[in-house]
Protein backbone atom coordinates (compact mmCIF):
# COMPACT_ATOMS: atom_id res chain seq x y z
CA MET A 1 0.17 -12.29 25.25
CA SER A 2 -3.06 -10.25 25.36
CA GLU A 3 -4.14 -8.15 22.49
CA ALA A 4 -3.45 -4.96 24.50
CA ASP A 5 0.08 -6.20 25.16
CA ARG A 6 0.83 -6.84 21.43
CA LEU A 7 -0.31 -3.65 20.36
CA ASP A 8 1.82 -2.05 23.27
CA HIS A 9 4.81 -3.85 21.95
CA ALA A 10 4.16 -2.98 18.35
CA GLY A 11 4.69 0.70 19.11
CA ARG A 12 2.32 3.42 17.98
CA VAL A 13 3.44 5.45 15.18
CA THR A 14 1.96 8.70 14.40
CA LEU A 15 1.91 11.65 12.11
CA ARG A 16 2.29 14.90 13.88
CA HIS A 17 3.00 17.49 11.32
CA ILE A 18 2.89 17.97 7.64
CA ARG A 19 3.75 20.80 5.36
CA LEU A 20 2.97 20.74 1.58
CA THR A 21 4.27 23.07 -1.05
CA HIS A 22 2.95 23.12 -4.59
CA PHE A 23 1.36 19.66 -4.08
CA ARG A 24 -1.81 18.98 -6.23
CA ASN A 25 -4.18 22.13 -5.28
CA TYR A 26 -2.25 22.83 -2.23
CA MET A 27 -0.03 25.90 -3.03
CA ALA A 28 1.10 25.94 0.91
CA GLN A 29 -0.48 24.14 3.67
CA VAL A 30 0.70 23.46 7.18
CA LEU A 31 -1.09 21.01 9.41
CA ASP A 32 -0.52 19.85 13.05
CA PHE A 33 -1.96 16.80 14.54
CA SER A 34 -2.14 15.53 18.25
CA GLY A 35 -1.80 11.83 17.12
CA THR A 36 -5.49 10.69 17.28
CA HIS A 37 -7.56 9.80 14.22
CA VAL A 38 -8.05 12.50 11.61
CA VAL A 39 -11.32 13.24 9.68
CA LEU A 40 -11.18 15.33 6.54
CA THR A 41 -14.71 16.49 5.25
CA GLY A 42 -15.56 18.61 2.33
CA HIS A 43 -16.98 18.66 -1.06
CA ASN A 44 -15.83 16.30 -3.87
CA GLY A 45 -12.67 17.96 -5.46
CA ALA A 46 -11.77 20.10 -2.55
CA GLY A 47 -8.48 18.31 -1.86
CA LYS A 48 -9.29 15.67 0.80
CA THR A 49 -7.81 12.79 -1.36
CA ASN A 50 -5.00 14.86 -2.29
CA LEU A 51 -4.01 15.27 1.49
CA LEU A 52 -4.20 11.46 1.89
CA GLU A 53 -1.86 11.13 -1.28
CA ALA A 54 0.63 13.37 0.32
CA VAL A 55 0.75 11.19 3.45
CA SER A 56 1.19 8.20 1.10
CA PHE A 57 4.45 9.71 -0.27
CA LEU A 58 5.94 8.79 3.25
CA SER A 59 6.29 5.24 1.77
CA PRO A 60 8.10 3.84 -1.28
CA GLY A 61 6.48 4.01 -4.63
CA ARG A 62 4.24 6.72 -6.46
CA GLY A 63 1.68 7.15 -3.74
CA LEU A 64 -1.81 5.77 -3.47
CA ARG A 65 -2.63 7.12 -7.20
CA ARG A 66 0.56 5.86 -8.66
CA ALA A 67 0.74 9.11 -10.59
CA ALA A 68 3.34 10.50 -12.60
CA TYR A 69 5.30 13.05 -10.55
CA SER A 70 4.49 15.76 -13.23
CA ASP A 71 0.81 15.33 -12.37
CA VAL A 72 1.34 15.64 -8.64
CA THR A 73 2.86 19.17 -9.09
CA SER A 74 0.40 21.87 -8.77
CA VAL A 75 -0.76 23.39 -12.07
CA GLN A 76 0.47 26.92 -11.10
CA GLU A 77 3.96 25.62 -10.22
CA LYS A 78 4.31 23.68 -13.61
CA GLN A 79 4.51 26.84 -15.35
CA GLY A 80 7.59 27.85 -13.51
CA GLU A 81 9.14 24.31 -14.22
CA SER A 82 9.58 23.56 -10.62
CA GLY A 83 8.22 20.72 -8.32
CA PHE A 84 6.40 19.71 -5.29
CA SER A 85 7.70 19.12 -1.58
CA ILE A 86 6.35 17.36 1.49
CA HIS A 87 7.90 17.67 4.95
CA ALA A 88 6.43 15.55 7.82
CA ARG A 89 7.35 14.89 11.43
CA LEU A 90 6.61 11.52 12.70
CA PHE A 91 6.71 10.10 16.35
CA GLY A 92 7.36 6.50 17.04
CA PRO A 93 8.67 4.81 20.22
CA ALA A 94 11.65 3.22 18.54
CA TYR A 95 13.09 6.35 17.33
CA GLY A 96 11.32 9.34 19.04
CA GLU A 97 10.90 11.96 16.53
CA ALA A 98 11.75 11.89 12.94
CA HIS A 99 11.80 14.56 10.05
CA ILE A 100 10.90 13.29 6.54
CA GLY A 101 11.29 15.36 3.56
CA THR A 102 10.45 14.33 -0.06
CA GLY A 103 9.57 15.93 -3.40
CA VAL A 104 10.62 16.50 -6.86
CA MET A 105 12.62 19.33 -8.14
CA PRO A 106 13.62 20.32 -11.59
CA ALA A 107 16.32 18.02 -13.18
CA VAL A 108 19.71 19.26 -12.46
CA GLN A 109 22.68 18.06 -14.71
CA GLY A 110 20.13 14.99 -15.98
CA GLU A 111 19.30 14.08 -12.46
CA GLY A 112 15.57 13.79 -11.41
CA GLY A 113 13.17 11.60 -9.83
CA ARG A 114 11.83 11.86 -6.10
CA LYS A 115 14.30 12.86 -3.45
CA ILE A 116 14.18 11.87 0.14
CA ARG A 117 15.82 13.31 3.17
CA ILE A 118 15.48 11.79 6.59
CA ASN A 119 16.45 13.91 9.63
CA SER A 120 18.26 16.22 7.14
CA ALA A 121 20.30 13.64 5.47
CA ALA A 122 19.80 12.16 2.04
CA GLY A 123 17.86 8.83 2.29
CA ALA A 124 16.52 5.93 0.03
CA ALA A 125 12.94 4.96 -0.49
CA ASP A 126 13.39 1.67 1.28
CA GLN A 127 14.57 3.68 4.50
CA LEU A 128 11.02 5.25 4.76
CA LEU A 129 10.04 1.79 6.10
CA ASP A 130 12.15 2.13 9.22
CA TYR A 131 10.01 5.11 10.23
CA CYS A 132 6.33 4.29 9.18
CA ARG A 133 4.40 1.83 7.38
CA ILE A 134 1.43 3.33 5.32
CA VAL A 135 -1.77 1.17 4.61
CA TRP A 136 -4.39 2.62 2.34
CA LEU A 137 -7.96 1.78 0.90
CA VAL A 138 -9.22 4.04 -1.73
CA PRO A 139 -12.41 3.90 -4.02
CA ALA A 140 -10.24 2.97 -6.90
CA MET A 141 -9.67 -0.16 -5.28
CA ASP A 142 -13.38 -1.22 -5.06
CA GLY A 143 -13.25 -3.16 -8.23
CA LEU A 144 -10.08 -5.16 -7.11
CA PHE A 145 -11.92 -8.41 -7.06
CA THR A 146 -13.35 -8.22 -10.70
CA GLY A 147 -10.63 -6.15 -12.30
CA PRO A 148 -7.40 -7.27 -14.02
CA GLY A 149 -4.88 -9.61 -12.19
CA GLY A 150 -2.12 -6.97 -12.21
CA GLU A 151 -4.05 -4.73 -9.83
CA ARG A 152 -4.34 -7.67 -7.45
CA ARG A 153 -0.50 -8.39 -7.77
CA ARG A 154 0.08 -4.75 -6.94
CA PHE A 155 -2.15 -4.95 -4.01
CA LEU A 156 -0.60 -8.18 -2.88
CA ASP A 157 2.92 -7.00 -3.12
CA ARG A 158 2.16 -3.69 -1.25
CA MET A 159 0.96 -5.96 1.59
CA VAL A 160 4.02 -7.91 1.43
CA LEU A 161 6.28 -4.74 1.30
CA ALA A 162 4.56 -3.57 4.57
CA ILE A 163 6.05 -6.43 6.47
CA ASP A 164 9.18 -7.20 4.23
CA PRO A 165 11.07 -4.07 3.32
CA LEU A 166 13.23 -5.95 0.82
CA HIS A 167 10.48 -7.22 -1.13
CA GLY A 168 10.22 -3.98 -3.30
CA ARG A 169 13.80 -4.14 -4.37
CA ARG A 170 13.62 -7.85 -5.26
CA THR A 171 10.65 -7.10 -7.44
CA LEU A 172 12.34 -4.21 -9.12
CA ASP A 173 15.51 -6.33 -9.76
CA TYR A 174 13.31 -9.16 -11.08
CA GLU A 175 11.57 -7.01 -13.54
CA LYS A 176 14.77 -5.48 -14.83
CA ALA A 177 16.33 -9.00 -15.49
CA MET A 178 12.97 -10.04 -17.14
CA ARG A 179 13.14 -6.99 -19.49
CA ALA A 180 16.57 -7.65 -20.50
CA ARG A 181 15.82 -11.41 -21.12
CA ASN A 182 12.89 -10.15 -23.20
CA ARG A 183 15.02 -7.98 -25.34
CA LEU A 184 17.55 -10.57 -25.91
CA LEU A 185 14.91 -13.11 -27.00
CA ALA A 186 13.22 -10.39 -29.31
CA GLU A 187 16.73 -9.80 -30.90
CA GLY A 188 17.11 -13.58 -31.55
CA ALA A 189 20.39 -13.62 -29.51
CA ARG A 190 22.06 -16.94 -29.88
CA ASP A 191 24.40 -16.81 -27.17
CA PRO A 192 23.07 -18.88 -24.47
CA VAL A 193 25.41 -17.59 -21.79
CA TRP A 194 23.73 -14.24 -21.53
CA LEU A 195 20.19 -15.81 -21.43
CA GLU A 196 21.27 -18.43 -18.68
CA ALA A 197 22.72 -15.77 -16.48
CA LEU A 198 19.52 -13.71 -16.70
CA GLU A 199 17.34 -16.77 -16.15
CA VAL A 200 19.30 -17.82 -13.23
CA GLN A 201 18.87 -14.49 -11.71
CA MET A 202 15.19 -14.29 -12.41
CA ALA A 203 14.80 -17.81 -10.82
CA GLU A 204 16.43 -16.59 -7.84
CA LEU A 205 14.66 -13.40 -7.43
CA GLY A 206 11.28 -14.78 -8.55
CA THR A 207 11.41 -17.63 -6.02
CA ALA A 208 12.30 -15.36 -3.25
CA ILE A 209 9.25 -13.09 -4.35
CA ALA A 210 6.97 -16.06 -4.28
CA ALA A 211 8.02 -17.19 -1.10
CA ALA A 212 7.53 -13.93 0.56
CA ARG A 213 3.99 -13.95 -0.89
CA VAL A 214 3.25 -17.35 0.19
CA GLU A 215 4.52 -16.58 3.82
CA MET A 216 2.55 -13.45 4.08
CA MET A 217 -0.62 -15.13 2.95
CA ARG A 218 -0.18 -17.75 5.56
CA LEU A 219 0.25 -15.24 8.20
CA LEU A 220 -2.56 -13.05 7.10
CA GLN A 221 -4.86 -15.86 6.88
CA ALA A 222 -4.11 -16.78 10.50
CA VAL A 223 -4.95 -13.18 11.50
CA ILE A 224 -8.20 -13.32 9.62
CA GLY A 225 -9.02 -16.54 11.40
CA HIS A 226 -8.84 -14.76 14.86
CA MET A 227 -11.24 -12.09 13.80
CA PRO A 228 -14.32 -11.76 15.96
CA GLU A 229 -17.21 -13.49 14.36
CA ALA A 230 -19.30 -10.15 15.06
CA GLY A 231 -16.57 -8.00 13.71
CA GLY A 232 -18.76 -6.47 11.18
CA PHE A 233 -16.78 -7.41 8.24
CA PRO A 234 -16.90 -10.83 6.59
CA ARG A 235 -13.82 -13.19 6.66
CA ALA A 236 -11.97 -13.79 3.60
CA GLU A 237 -10.30 -17.00 2.43
CA LEU A 238 -6.84 -16.42 0.50
CA ALA A 239 -5.12 -18.42 -2.09
CA LEU A 240 -2.37 -17.65 -4.65
CA ALA A 241 -2.27 -18.79 -8.13
CA GLY A 242 0.93 -18.90 -9.91
CA THR A 243 3.42 -21.51 -11.08
CA VAL A 244 6.51 -20.36 -8.82
CA GLU A 245 4.26 -19.94 -5.57
CA LYS A 246 2.86 -23.27 -6.26
CA ALA A 247 6.32 -24.89 -6.43
CA VAL A 248 7.29 -23.06 -3.35
CA GLY A 249 4.44 -24.70 -1.40
CA LEU A 250 5.46 -28.27 -2.60
CA MET A 251 9.31 -28.33 -2.66
CA ALA A 252 12.44 -26.96 -0.85
CA ALA A 253 13.30 -23.40 -2.10
CA VAL A 254 16.52 -24.42 -3.85
CA ASP A 255 14.40 -26.99 -5.77
CA ALA A 256 11.68 -24.50 -6.65
CA GLU A 257 14.31 -21.99 -7.91
CA GLU A 258 15.92 -24.72 -10.17
CA HIS A 259 12.25 -25.74 -11.39
CA PHE A 260 11.51 -22.07 -12.31
CA ARG A 261 14.91 -21.76 -14.08
CA ALA A 262 14.27 -24.98 -16.18
CA LEU A 263 10.83 -23.45 -17.14
CA LEU A 264 12.53 -20.26 -18.29
CA GLU A 265 15.03 -22.23 -20.48
CA ARG A 266 12.33 -24.53 -22.06
CA GLY A 267 10.17 -21.51 -22.72
CA ARG A 268 12.70 -19.57 -24.65
CA GLY A 269 11.05 -20.16 -28.10
CA ILE A 270 7.49 -19.49 -26.96
CA ASP A 271 8.46 -16.28 -24.91
CA GLY A 272 10.36 -14.92 -27.83
CA ARG A 273 7.35 -15.23 -30.05
CA ALA A 274 5.04 -13.86 -27.33
CA GLY A 275 7.40 -11.00 -26.86
CA ARG A 276 7.27 -11.49 -22.93
CA ALA A 277 7.92 -14.31 -20.37
CA LEU A 278 4.71 -16.42 -19.79
CA GLU A 279 5.79 -18.03 -16.62
CA GLY A 280 6.80 -16.30 -13.26
CA PRO A 281 5.49 -14.30 -10.31
CA HIS A 282 4.66 -11.45 -12.64
CA ARG A 283 1.75 -13.42 -13.83
CA SER A 284 0.44 -14.72 -10.42
CA ASP A 285 -2.85 -13.68 -8.94
CA LEU A 286 -4.70 -13.38 -5.60
CA LEU A 287 -7.72 -15.32 -5.24
CA VAL A 288 -10.24 -14.18 -2.51
CA ARG A 289 -13.44 -15.89 -1.36
CA HIS A 290 -16.04 -15.00 1.03
CA ALA A 291 -15.46 -17.63 3.70
CA GLU A 292 -19.04 -17.76 5.06
CA LYS A 293 -20.73 -18.06 1.78
CA ALA A 294 -17.96 -20.15 0.21
CA MET A 295 -18.23 -17.69 -2.80
CA PRO A 296 -15.58 -16.10 -4.95
CA ALA A 297 -15.25 -12.33 -4.03
CA GLY A 298 -15.83 -11.18 -7.54
CA LEU A 299 -19.31 -12.84 -7.54
CA CYS A 300 -20.36 -11.20 -4.28
CA SER A 301 -22.49 -8.13 -4.25
CA THR A 302 -20.90 -4.62 -4.48
CA GLY A 303 -21.41 -4.11 -0.70
CA GLU A 304 -20.18 -7.51 0.32
CA GLN A 305 -16.95 -6.92 -1.78
CA LYS A 306 -16.48 -3.42 -0.16
CA ALA A 307 -16.91 -5.19 3.09
CA LEU A 308 -14.57 -8.04 2.39
CA LEU A 309 -11.95 -5.69 1.22
CA THR A 310 -12.25 -3.56 4.15
CA GLY A 311 -11.85 -6.48 6.38
CA LEU A 312 -8.80 -7.64 4.55
CA VAL A 313 -7.00 -4.33 4.74
CA LEU A 314 -7.73 -4.06 8.52
CA SER A 315 -6.39 -7.63 9.09
CA HIS A 316 -3.39 -6.68 7.06
CA ALA A 317 -3.05 -3.50 9.29
CA ARG A 318 -3.06 -5.71 12.41
CA LEU A 319 -0.25 -8.16 10.97
CA THR A 320 1.69 -5.22 9.89
CA ALA A 321 1.62 -3.89 13.59
CA GLU A 322 2.68 -7.28 14.90
CA LEU A 323 5.36 -8.07 12.50
CA SER A 324 7.08 -4.64 12.01
CA ALA A 325 6.82 -3.42 15.57
CA MET A 326 5.08 -0.25 14.31
CA THR A 327 1.45 0.34 13.92
CA PRO A 328 0.85 1.44 10.50
CA ILE A 329 -0.82 4.84 9.49
CA LEU A 330 -4.08 3.92 7.69
CA LEU A 331 -5.47 6.06 4.78
CA LEU A 332 -9.16 5.50 4.26
CA ASP A 333 -10.82 7.53 1.53
CA GLU A 334 -14.56 7.94 1.30
CA ILE A 335 -14.73 4.81 3.72
CA ALA A 336 -17.87 5.68 5.57
CA ALA A 337 -20.06 6.33 2.70
CA HIS A 338 -20.68 2.84 1.62
CA LEU A 339 -20.81 1.22 4.95
CA ASP A 340 -24.07 1.02 6.96
CA THR A 341 -24.33 2.30 10.51
CA VAL A 342 -23.32 -1.15 12.18
CA ARG A 343 -20.33 -1.39 9.99
CA ARG A 344 -19.16 2.19 10.51
CA LYS A 345 -19.42 1.69 14.13
CA ALA A 346 -17.48 -1.63 13.96
CA LEU A 347 -14.76 0.07 11.70
CA PHE A 348 -14.17 2.81 14.23
CA ASP A 349 -13.96 0.40 17.19
CA ILE A 350 -11.62 -1.90 15.26
CA LEU A 351 -9.39 1.25 14.37
CA ASP A 352 -9.29 2.14 17.94
CA GLY A 353 -8.40 -1.71 18.99
CA LEU A 354 -5.66 -1.52 16.41
CA GLY A 355 -4.15 1.44 18.02
CA ALA A 356 -3.20 2.78 14.67
CA GLN A 357 -3.69 6.58 13.57
CA ALA A 358 -6.17 6.50 10.76
CA PHE A 359 -6.86 9.41 8.41
CA MET A 360 -10.56 9.28 6.88
CA THR A 361 -12.25 11.55 4.34
CA GLY A 362 -15.92 11.97 3.53
CA THR A 363 -18.41 14.66 2.18
CA ASP A 364 -20.71 14.40 5.14
CA ALA A 365 -19.19 14.98 8.64
CA ALA A 366 -22.41 13.28 10.13
CA LEU A 367 -21.13 10.03 9.21
CA PHE A 368 -18.30 10.34 11.59
CA LYS A 369 -20.23 11.54 14.68
CA ASP A 370 -19.31 8.42 16.49
CA LEU A 371 -15.80 9.51 16.43
CA GLN A 372 -16.41 12.79 18.33
CA GLY A 373 -13.60 12.78 21.19
CA ARG A 374 -11.67 10.20 19.29
CA ALA A 375 -10.60 12.07 16.20
CA GLU A 376 -9.45 15.65 14.97
CA PHE A 377 -11.87 17.03 12.39
CA PHE A 378 -10.78 19.36 9.36
CA HIS A 379 -12.80 20.86 6.73
CA VAL A 380 -11.21 21.12 3.41
CA GLU A 381 -12.22 23.62 0.79
CA GLY A 382 -10.31 24.97 -2.34
CA GLY A 383 -6.93 23.44 -1.42
CA VAL A 384 -7.18 24.76 2.24
CA ALA A 385 -7.72 22.60 5.33
CA ALA A 386 -8.89 24.12 8.55
CA ARG A 387 -9.65 22.53 11.96
CA THR A 388 -13.30 22.56 12.90
CA ASP A 389 -15.13 21.80 16.14
CA PRO A 390 -17.31 18.63 15.45
CA SER A 391 -19.42 19.26 18.74
CA VAL A 392 -20.73 22.61 16.92
CA SER A 393 -21.78 21.17 13.52
CA LEU A 394 -22.52 17.58 14.43
CA PRO A 395 -25.96 16.42 15.73
């Protein structure tokens, strides 16, 4: 099957309309899109990233900033003890048109949290993945390869979630069981039945989490291996460091599950003294190397790390399109500023080849001049986004 055929089969999903109310510095904003790429330009602090964050709320979780919902509500609205809302219209070949609403309203009778409505009916966060997959690359991720392992695990699990919608629920259930076991150990519980039940649950869920990660890594590495040599971004070699992931790669799933359960049982004493579980997928790490240089990503130059990360995200977007039958919507914050002319052009061509709608931000519209005719341009200032004509302002 040709590349074009695979992309056609994947199905192009696009955001056509978004309405924000009391979101960050947007008191009220309505934007319509044609389905092409979208470029948002303006000064720092104008609200460009806030728009990307709003789009990221069309996926499960707390968005690309992982912010508390109280921080997302506009300052003016907080004084009225209300919340924010996002309404979007998506188009995808599998479902036609879909209307998504989400937001946080004042707590009513003890109920709070983010609410979701899909085509006017109450929905769950996991159901959002039936309508779109959102992939993002933001400046806060620039230190991914040199920062703490927890950030790489979150990055890894979001990649898995984009192709396996059940992964998020498994992860939440695993963490819930782990916290309950930690409490029992801290309290010095002597009834082994409770601990055994929790450890069996952790072993089952933890092995499933590890297996999903291993499979995603295998598939992603295959996609990276088919990247063109002159694609503008270096190839990455991927590996997982983790006890359970290693077991999954060496033995049958049922044996890996029993192996993990036995580790938890033997580790009760040391885990109780440490106040946490010292073995499990919650301690795994994603290892990335620059393939051509055979060098750990964390030892590469800042520019090489950015290029590696960009190539990894683009490869994952391609994998997501092929496995989910939906092209993802890409959110690329300040993407062009740290890429040279050759890599910027390569990026734009790759985005076109993916067939995915990309939202990109930057302070200088001239960095996106190669996208004239392939993107819609908006200027953002003071929490207001307005469509512009790049043929007038760009050289």
